[in-house]
Amino acid sequence: AEEFPEYTQAIHDLKMSDTYFANLVEAYHDLNRQIHRME
């Protein structure tokens, strides 16, 4: 949401309606948290 503030609604809509996109965002979220723990 911070990386793409101009797409807030599209992110929400896609997460609710598109399984592939929802999984993509979840993978990013998980990896991002791992990197934060590394850093």
All heavy atoms as atom14 arrays in JSON, in Angstrom:
{
  "sequence": "AEEFPEYTQAIHDLKMSDTYFANLVEAYHDLNRQIHRME",
  "atom14_mask": [
    [1, 1, 1, 1, 1, 0, 0, 0, 0, 0, 0, 0, 0, 0],
    [1, 1, 1, 1, 1, 1, 1, 1, 1, 0, 0, 0, 0, 0],
    [1, 1, 1, 1, 1, 1, 1, 1, 1, 0, 0, 0, 0, 0],
    [1, 1, 1, 1, 1, 1, 1, 1, 1, 1, 1, 0, 0, 0],
    [1, 1, 1, 1, 1, 1, 1, 0, 0, 0, 0, 0, 0, 0],
    [1, 1, 1, 1, 1, 1, 1, 1, 1, 0, 0, 0, 0, 0],
    [1, 1, 1, 1, 1, 1, 1, 1, 1, 1, 1, 1, 0, 0],
    [1, 1, 1, 1, 1, 1, 1, 0, 0, 0, 0, 0, 0, 0],
    [1, 1, 1, 1, 1, 1, 1, 1, 1, 0, 0, 0, 0, 0],
    [1, 1, 1, 1, 1, 0, 0, 0, 0, 0, 0, 0, 0, 0],
    [1, 1, 1, 1, 1, 1, 1, 1, 0, 0, 0, 0, 0, 0],
    [1, 1, 1, 1, 1, 1, 1, 1, 1, 1, 0, 0, 0, 0],
    [1, 1, 1, 1, 1, 1, 1, 1, 0, 0, 0, 0, 0, 0],
    [1, 1, 1, 1, 1, 1, 1, 1, 0, 0, 0, 0, 0, 0],
    [1, 1, 1, 1, 1, 1, 1, 1, 1, 0, 0, 0, 0, 0],
    [1, 1, 1, 1, 1, 1, 1, 1, 0, 0, 0, 0, 0, 0],
    [1, 1, 1, 1, 1, 1, 0, 0, 0, 0, 0, 0, 0, 0],
    [1, 1, 1, 1, 1, 1, 1, 1, 0, 0, 0, 0, 0, 0],
    [1, 1, 1, 1, 1, 1, 1, 0, 0, 0, 0, 0, 0, 0],
    [1, 1, 1, 1, 1, 1, 1, 1, 1, 1, 1, 1, 0, 0],
    [1, 1, 1, 1, 1, 1, 1, 1, 1, 1, 1, 0, 0, 0],
    [1, 1, 1, 1, 1, 0, 0, 0, 0, 0, 0, 0, 0, 0],
    [1, 1, 1, 1, 1, 1, 1, 1, 0, 0, 0, 0, 0, 0],
    [1, 1, 1, 1, 1, 1, 1, 1, 0, 0, 0, 0, 0, 0],
    [1, 1, 1, 1, 1, 1, 1, 0, 0, 0, 0, 0, 0, 0],
    [1, 1, 1, 1, 1, 1, 1, 1, 1, 0, 0, 0, 0, 0],
    [1, 1, 1, 1, 1, 0, 0, 0, 0, 0, 0, 0, 0, 0],
    [1, 1, 1, 1, 1, 1, 1, 1, 1, 1, 1, 1, 0, 0],
    [1, 1, 1, 1, 1, 1, 1, 1, 1, 1, 0, 0, 0, 0],
    [1, 1, 1, 1, 1, 1, 1, 1, 0, 0, 0, 0, 0, 0],
    [1, 1, 1, 1, 1, 1, 1, 1, 0, 0, 0, 0, 0, 0],
    [1, 1, 1, 1, 1, 1, 1, 1, 0, 0, 0, 0, 0, 0],
    [1, 1, 1, 1, 1, 1, 1, 1, 1, 1, 1, 0, 0, 0],
    [1, 1, 1, 1, 1, 1, 1, 1, 1, 0, 0, 0, 0, 0],
    [1, 1, 1, 1, 1, 1, 1, 1, 0, 0, 0, 0, 0, 0],
    [1, 1, 1, 1, 1, 1, 1, 1, 1, 1, 0, 0, 0, 0],
    [1, 1, 1, 1, 1, 1, 1, 1, 1, 1, 1, 0, 0, 0],
    [1, 1, 1, 1, 1, 1, 1, 1, 0, 0, 0, 0, 0, 0],
    [1, 1, 1, 1, 1, 1, 1, 1, 1, 0, 0, 0, 0, 0]
  ],
  "atom14_positions": [
    [[0.83, -1.21, 0.0], [0.0, 0.0, 0.0], [0.86, 1.26, 0.0], [0.48, 2.27, -0.58], [-0.93, 0.01, 1.2], [0.0, 0.0, 0.0], [0.0, 0.0, 0.0], [0.0, 0.0, 0.0], [0.0, 0.0, 0.0], [0.0, 0.0, 0.0], [0.0, 0.0, 0.0], [0.0, 0.0, 0.0], [0.0, 0.0, 0.0], [0.0, 0.0, 0.0]],
    [[2.02, 1.21, 0.63], [2.94, 2.35, 0.63], [3.68, 2.47, -0.69], [4.0, 3.57, -1.13], [3.95, 2.21, 1.76], [3.34, 2.31, 3.14], [4.33, 1.99, 4.24], [5.49, 1.62, 3.94], [3.96, 2.12, 5.4], [0.0, 0.0, 0.0], [0.0, 0.0, 0.0], [0.0, 0.0, 0.0], [0.0, 0.0, 0.0], [0.0, 0.0, 0.0]],
    [[3.99, 1.35, -1.29], [4.71, 1.34, -2.56], [3.84, 1.83, -3.72], [4.34, 2.41, -4.67], [5.24, -0.07, -2.86], [6.28, -0.56, -1.88], [7.59, 0.2, -1.97], [8.09, 0.42, -3.08], [8.12, 0.55, -0.9], [0.0, 0.0, 0.0], [0.0, 0.0, 0.0], [0.0, 0.0, 0.0], [0.0, 0.0, 0.0], [0.0, 0.0, 0.0]],
    [[2.54, 1.56, -3.64], [1.61, 1.91, -4.72], [0.38, 2.63, -4.18], [-0.75, 2.15, -4.33], [1.17, 0.64, -5.47], [2.3, -0.15, -6.06], [2.68, -1.37, -5.49], [3.01, 0.32, -7.15], [3.73, -2.1, -6.02], [4.05, -0.41, -7.69], [4.42, -1.62, -7.12], [0.0, 0.0, 0.0], [0.0, 0.0, 0.0], [0.0, 0.0, 0.0]],
    [[0.55, 3.8, -3.57], [-0.6, 4.48, -2.98], [-1.67, 4.87, -4.0], [-2.85, 4.94, -3.67], [0.0, 5.71, -2.31], [1.31, 5.92, -3.0], [1.78, 4.56, -3.42], [0.0, 0.0, 0.0], [0.0, 0.0, 0.0], [0.0, 0.0, 0.0], [0.0, 0.0, 0.0], [0.0, 0.0, 0.0], [0.0, 0.0, 0.0], [0.0, 0.0, 0.0]],
    [[-1.26, 5.06, -5.25], [-2.21, 5.44, -6.29], [-3.1, 4.27, -6.72], [-4.1, 4.45, -7.41], [-1.47, 6.0, -7.51], [-0.66, 4.99, -8.3], [0.74, 4.68, -7.75], [1.01, 4.92, -6.56], [1.56, 4.17, -8.53], [0.0, 0.0, 0.0], [0.0, 0.0, 0.0], [0.0, 0.0, 0.0], [0.0, 0.0, 0.0], [0.0, 0.0, 0.0]],
    [[-2.76, 3.06, -6.27], [-3.52, 1.87, -6.64], [-4.24, 1.24, -5.45], [-4.59, 0.06, -5.49], [-2.59, 0.82, -7.25], [-2.03, 1.18, -8.6], [-0.66, 1.33, -8.79], [-2.86, 1.34, -9.7], [-0.13, 1.63, -10.03], [-2.34, 1.63, -10.95], [-0.98, 1.79, -11.1], [-0.46, 2.08, -12.34], [0.0, 0.0, 0.0], [0.0, 0.0, 0.0]],
    [[-4.48, 2.01, -4.4], [-5.08, 1.45, -3.19], [-6.38, 0.7, -3.48], [-6.56, -0.45, -3.03], [-5.34, 2.56, -2.15], [-4.1, 3.2, -1.86], [-5.92, 2.0, -0.87], [0.0, 0.0, 0.0], [0.0, 0.0, 0.0], [0.0, 0.0, 0.0], [0.0, 0.0, 0.0], [0.0, 0.0, 0.0], [0.0, 0.0, 0.0], [0.0, 0.0, 0.0]],
    [[-7.27, 1.31, -4.24], [-8.54, 0.65, -4.54], [-8.35, -0.57, -5.43], [-8.97, -1.61, -5.21], [-9.53, 1.63, -5.18], [-10.94, 1.07, -5.32], [-11.56, 0.71, -3.97], [-11.56, 1.53, -3.05], [-12.09, -0.5, -3.85], [0.0, 0.0, 0.0], [0.0, 0.0, 0.0], [0.0, 0.0, 0.0], [0.0, 0.0, 0.0], [0.0, 0.0, 0.0]],
    [[-7.49, -0.46, -6.43], [-7.24, -1.59, -7.32], [-6.63, -2.76, -6.55], [-7.01, -3.92, -6.78], [-6.31, -1.17, -8.46], [0.0, 0.0, 0.0], [0.0, 0.0, 0.0], [0.0, 0.0, 0.0], [0.0, 0.0, 0.0], [0.0, 0.0, 0.0], [0.0, 0.0, 0.0], [0.0, 0.0, 0.0], [0.0, 0.0, 0.0], [0.0, 0.0, 0.0]],
    [[-5.72, -2.47, -5.62], [-5.13, -3.53, -4.8], [-6.22, -4.25, -4.01], [-6.29, -5.47, -4.0], [-4.04, -2.96, -3.86], [-2.84, -2.5, -4.68], [-3.63, -3.99, -2.81], [-1.85, -1.65, -3.91], [0.0, 0.0, 0.0], [0.0, 0.0, 0.0], [0.0, 0.0, 0.0], [0.0, 0.0, 0.0], [0.0, 0.0, 0.0], [0.0, 0.0, 0.0]],
    [[-7.06, -3.47, -3.38], [-8.17, -4.06, -2.6], [-9.08, -4.91, -3.49], [-9.39, -6.07, -3.16], [-8.98, -2.97, -1.91], [-10.22, -3.48, -1.27], [-10.2, -4.2, -0.09], [-11.52, -3.41, -1.65], [-11.43, -4.54, 0.22], [-12.25, -4.07, -0.7], [0.0, 0.0, 0.0], [0.0, 0.0, 0.0], [0.0, 0.0, 0.0], [0.0, 0.0, 0.0]],
    [[-9.49, -4.34, -4.61], [-10.4, -5.05, -5.52], [-9.79, -6.35, -6.02], [-10.44, -7.4, -6.03], [-10.78, -4.16, -6.71], [-11.62, -2.95, -6.3], [-12.12, -2.9, -5.15], [-11.74, -2.04, -7.14], [0.0, 0.0, 0.0], [0.0, 0.0, 0.0], [0.0, 0.0, 0.0], [0.0, 0.0, 0.0], [0.0, 0.0, 0.0], [0.0, 0.0, 0.0]],
    [[-8.53, -6.28, -6.43], [-7.87, -7.47, -6.96], [-7.65, -8.53, -5.88], [-7.79, -9.73, -6.15], [-6.54, -7.1, -7.61], [-6.65, -6.49, -8.99], [-5.34, -5.84, -9.41], [-7.06, -7.55, -10.01], [0.0, 0.0, 0.0], [0.0, 0.0, 0.0], [0.0, 0.0, 0.0], [0.0, 0.0, 0.0], [0.0, 0.0, 0.0], [0.0, 0.0, 0.0]],
    [[-7.3, -8.11, -4.69], [-7.12, -9.08, -3.6], [-8.42, -9.82, -3.3], [-8.4, -10.98, -2.92], [-6.59, -8.39, -2.35], [-5.11, -8.07, -2.43], [-4.61, -7.22, -1.28], [-4.79, -7.84, 0.05], [-4.21, -7.02, 1.14], [0.0, 0.0, 0.0], [0.0, 0.0, 0.0], [0.0, 0.0, 0.0], [0.0, 0.0, 0.0], [0.0, 0.0, 0.0]],
    [[-9.54, -9.15, -3.51], [-10.84, -9.75, -3.23], [-11.34, -10.62, -4.38], [-12.1, -11.57, -4.16], [-11.88, -8.66, -2.93], [-11.54, -7.79, -1.73], [-11.26, -8.71, -0.2], [-12.91, -9.23, 0.16], [0.0, 0.0, 0.0], [0.0, 0.0, 0.0], [0.0, 0.0, 0.0], [0.0, 0.0, 0.0], [0.0, 0.0, 0.0], [0.0, 0.0, 0.0]],
    [[-10.91, -10.31, -5.61], [-11.5, -10.98, -6.77], [-10.55, -11.85, -7.58], [-10.99, -12.62, -8.42], [-12.1, -9.93, -7.71], [-11.08, -9.11, -8.25], [0.0, 0.0, 0.0], [0.0, 0.0, 0.0], [0.0, 0.0, 0.0], [0.0, 0.0, 0.0], [0.0, 0.0, 0.0], [0.0, 0.0, 0.0], [0.0, 0.0, 0.0], [0.0, 0.0, 0.0]],
    [[-9.25, -11.74, -7.34], [-8.27, -12.43, -8.18], [-7.31, -13.23, -7.29], [-6.44, -12.66, -6.64], [-7.52, -11.38, -9.0], [-6.6, -11.97, -10.04], [-5.84, -12.9, -9.7], [-6.62, -11.49, -11.18], [0.0, 0.0, 0.0], [0.0, 0.0, 0.0], [0.0, 0.0, 0.0], [0.0, 0.0, 0.0], [0.0, 0.0, 0.0], [0.0, 0.0, 0.0]],
    [[-7.48, -14.53, -7.29], [-6.68, -15.4, -6.43], [-5.19, -15.3, -6.75], [-4.36, -15.27, -5.84], [-7.15, -16.86, -6.55], [-8.54, -16.92, -6.26], [-6.4, -17.77, -5.61], [0.0, 0.0, 0.0], [0.0, 0.0, 0.0], [0.0, 0.0, 0.0], [0.0, 0.0, 0.0], [0.0, 0.0, 0.0], [0.0, 0.0, 0.0], [0.0, 0.0, 0.0]],
    [[-4.86, -15.24, -8.03], [-3.45, -15.14, -8.41], [-2.83, -13.87, -7.82], [-1.75, -13.91, -7.23], [-3.29, -15.15, -9.94], [-1.85, -15.02, -10.35], [-1.0, -16.12, -10.34], [-1.33, -13.79, -10.75], [0.33, -16.01, -10.7], [0.0, -13.66, -11.12], [0.83, -14.77, -11.09], [2.15, -14.66, -11.44], [0.0, 0.0, 0.0], [0.0, 0.0, 0.0]],
    [[-3.51, -12.75, -7.98], [-3.0, -11.49, -7.46], [-2.91, -11.53, -5.93], [-1.92, -11.1, -5.35], [-3.87, -10.31, -7.9], [-3.35, -8.98, -7.43], [-2.32, -8.35, -8.1], [-3.87, -8.37, -6.3], [-1.83, -7.13, -7.67], [-3.39, -7.15, -5.85], [-2.36, -6.52, -6.54], [0.0, 0.0, 0.0], [0.0, 0.0, 0.0], [0.0, 0.0, 0.0]],
    [[-3.93, -12.06, -5.29], [-3.92, -12.16, -3.82], [-2.72, -12.99, -3.35], [-2.05, -12.63, -2.38], [-5.22, -12.77, -3.32], [0.0, 0.0, 0.0], [0.0, 0.0, 0.0], [0.0, 0.0, 0.0], [0.0, 0.0, 0.0], [0.0, 0.0, 0.0], [0.0, 0.0, 0.0], [0.0, 0.0, 0.0], [0.0, 0.0, 0.0], [0.0, 0.0, 0.0]],
    [[-2.44, -14.09, -4.04], [-1.29, -14.92, -3.68], [0.03, -14.2, -3.94], [0.98, -14.34, -3.18], [-1.33, -16.25, -4.43], [-2.43, -17.15, -3.94], [-2.86, -17.06, -2.79], [-2.9, -18.04, -4.8], [0.0, 0.0, 0.0], [0.0, 0.0, 0.0], [0.0, 0.0, 0.0], [0.0, 0.0, 0.0], [0.0, 0.0, 0.0], [0.0, 0.0, 0.0]],
    [[0.08, -13.44, -5.01], [1.26, -12.65, -5.34], [1.55, -11.62, -4.23], [2.68, -11.5, -3.77], [1.04, -11.95, -6.68], [2.2, -11.35, -7.42], [3.23, -12.4, -7.77], [1.68, -10.67, -8.69], [0.0, 0.0, 0.0], [0.0, 0.0, 0.0], [0.0, 0.0, 0.0], [0.0, 0.0, 0.0], [0.0, 0.0, 0.0], [0.0, 0.0, 0.0]],
    [[0.52, -10.92, -3.81], [0.67, -9.92, -2.75], [1.05, -10.6, -1.44], [1.9, -10.09, -0.69], [-0.61, -9.08, -2.59], [-0.56, -8.22, -1.34], [-0.8, -8.2, -3.83], [0.0, 0.0, 0.0], [0.0, 0.0, 0.0], [0.0, 0.0, 0.0], [0.0, 0.0, 0.0], [0.0, 0.0, 0.0], [0.0, 0.0, 0.0], [0.0, 0.0, 0.0]],
    [[0.47, -11.74, -1.15], [0.8, -12.46, 0.08], [2.26, -12.92, 0.06], [2.97, -12.82, 1.07], [-0.13, -13.66, 0.26], [0.06, -14.38, 1.57], [-0.28, -13.55, 2.8], [-1.1, -12.62, 2.71], [0.3, -13.82, 3.87], [0.0, 0.0, 0.0], [0.0, 0.0, 0.0], [0.0, 0.0, 0.0], [0.0, 0.0, 0.0], [0.0, 0.0, 0.0]],
    [[2.73, -13.4, -1.08], [4.14, -13.81, -1.2], [5.06, -12.61, -0.99], [6.08, -12.72, -0.3], [4.39, -14.44, -2.57], [0.0, 0.0, 0.0], [0.0, 0.0, 0.0], [0.0, 0.0, 0.0], [0.0, 0.0, 0.0], [0.0, 0.0, 0.0], [0.0, 0.0, 0.0], [0.0, 0.0, 0.0], [0.0, 0.0, 0.0], [0.0, 0.0, 0.0]],
    [[4.7, -11.47, -1.57], [5.48, -10.25, -1.38], [5.49, -9.87, 0.1], [6.54, -9.56, 0.67], [4.91, -9.1, -2.21], [5.65, -7.8, -2.0], [6.72, -7.46, -2.81], [5.28, -6.94, -0.98], [7.41, -6.28, -2.6], [5.97, -5.75, -0.76], [7.03, -5.42, -1.58], [7.73, -4.25, -1.36], [0.0, 0.0, 0.0], [0.0, 0.0, 0.0]],
    [[4.32, -9.88, 0.72], [4.2, -9.51, 2.13], [5.07, -10.41, 3.01], [5.82, -9.92, 3.86], [2.73, -9.6, 2.55], [2.49, -9.35, 3.99], [2.51, -8.09, 4.54], [2.24, -10.19, 5.0], [2.29, -8.18, 5.83], [2.11, -9.44, 6.13], [0.0, 0.0, 0.0], [0.0, 0.0, 0.0], [0.0, 0.0, 0.0], [0.0, 0.0, 0.0]],
    [[4.99, -11.71, 2.8], [5.78, -12.65, 3.59], [7.28, -12.41, 3.4], [8.04, -12.37, 4.38], [5.44, -14.09, 3.22], [4.05, -14.51, 3.67], [3.44, -13.81, 4.52], [3.56, -15.54, 3.15], [0.0, 0.0, 0.0], [0.0, 0.0, 0.0], [0.0, 0.0, 0.0], [0.0, 0.0, 0.0], [0.0, 0.0, 0.0], [0.0, 0.0, 0.0]],
    [[7.69, -12.25, 2.16], [9.11, -12.01, 1.87], [9.56, -10.67, 2.44], [10.65, -10.56, 3.01], [9.36, -12.07, 0.36], [10.8, -11.88, -0.08], [11.73, -12.92, 0.55], [10.89, -11.94, -1.6], [0.0, 0.0, 0.0], [0.0, 0.0, 0.0], [0.0, 0.0, 0.0], [0.0, 0.0, 0.0], [0.0, 0.0, 0.0], [0.0, 0.0, 0.0]],
    [[8.74, -9.66, 2.33], [9.07, -8.35, 2.86], [9.29, -8.42, 4.37], [10.22, -7.81, 4.9], [7.98, -7.34, 2.5], [8.39, -5.93, 2.8], [9.49, -5.5, 2.44], [7.52, -5.19, 3.45], [0.0, 0.0, 0.0], [0.0, 0.0, 0.0], [0.0, 0.0, 0.0], [0.0, 0.0, 0.0], [0.0, 0.0, 0.0], [0.0, 0.0, 0.0]],
    [[8.44, -9.14, 5.06], [8.6, -9.31, 6.52], [9.89, -10.06, 6.83], [10.59, -9.73, 7.78], [7.39, -10.05, 7.11], [6.1, -9.29, 7.03], [6.12, -8.12, 7.98], [4.99, -7.25, 7.72], [4.29, -6.64, 8.65], [4.6, -6.8, 9.91], [3.31, -5.84, 8.32], [0.0, 0.0, 0.0], [0.0, 0.0, 0.0], [0.0, 0.0, 0.0]],
    [[10.21, -11.08, 6.06], [11.46, -11.81, 6.27], [12.66, -10.89, 6.11], [13.59, -10.92, 6.91], [11.57, -12.98, 5.29], [10.63, -14.11, 5.54], [10.69, -15.16, 4.42], [11.51, -15.07, 3.51], [9.81, -16.14, 4.5], [0.0, 0.0, 0.0], [0.0, 0.0, 0.0], [0.0, 0.0, 0.0], [0.0, 0.0, 0.0], [0.0, 0.0, 0.0]],
    [[12.63, -10.07, 5.06], [13.74, -9.14, 4.82], [13.85, -8.14, 5.95], [14.96, -7.83, 6.41], [13.56, -8.43, 3.45], [13.72, -9.44, 2.32], [14.55, -7.28, 3.31], [13.31, -8.93, 0.96], [0.0, 0.0, 0.0], [0.0, 0.0, 0.0], [0.0, 0.0, 0.0], [0.0, 0.0, 0.0], [0.0, 0.0, 0.0], [0.0, 0.0, 0.0]],
    [[12.73, -7.66, 6.44], [12.77, -6.72, 7.56], [13.42, -7.37, 8.78], [14.24, -6.73, 9.46], [11.36, -6.24, 7.89], [11.31, -5.25, 9.0], [11.89, -4.01, 8.92], [10.76, -5.33, 10.23], [11.69, -3.35, 10.04], [11.01, -4.14, 10.86], [0.0, 0.0, 0.0], [0.0, 0.0, 0.0], [0.0, 0.0, 0.0], [0.0, 0.0, 0.0]],
    [[13.09, -8.63, 9.04], [13.72, -9.33, 10.17], [15.22, -9.51, 9.93], [16.02, -9.42, 10.86], [13.02, -10.66, 10.41], [11.63, -10.49, 11.0], [11.03, -11.8, 11.49], [10.94, -12.81, 10.46], [9.9, -12.99, 9.65], [8.85, -12.19, 9.73], [9.9, -13.95, 8.76], [0.0, 0.0, 0.0], [0.0, 0.0, 0.0], [0.0, 0.0, 0.0]],
    [[15.61, -9.74, 8.68], [17.03, -9.84, 8.35], [17.73, -8.5, 8.59], [18.81, -8.45, 9.19], [17.22, -10.25, 6.89], [16.8, -11.64, 6.54], [16.97, -11.88, 4.73], [15.9, -13.29, 4.49], [0.0, 0.0, 0.0], [0.0, 0.0, 0.0], [0.0, 0.0, 0.0], [0.0, 0.0, 0.0], [0.0, 0.0, 0.0], [0.0, 0.0, 0.0]],
    [[17.13, -7.43, 8.1], [17.74, -6.1, 8.2], [17.87, -5.64, 9.65], [18.82, -4.93, 9.98], [16.92, -5.08, 7.41], [16.97, -5.29, 5.93], [15.99, -4.41, 5.16], [15.03, -3.89, 5.76], [16.2, -4.27, 3.94], [0.0, 0.0, 0.0], [0.0, 0.0, 0.0], [0.0, 0.0, 0.0], [0.0, 0.0, 0.0], [0.0, 0.0, 0.0]]
  ]
}
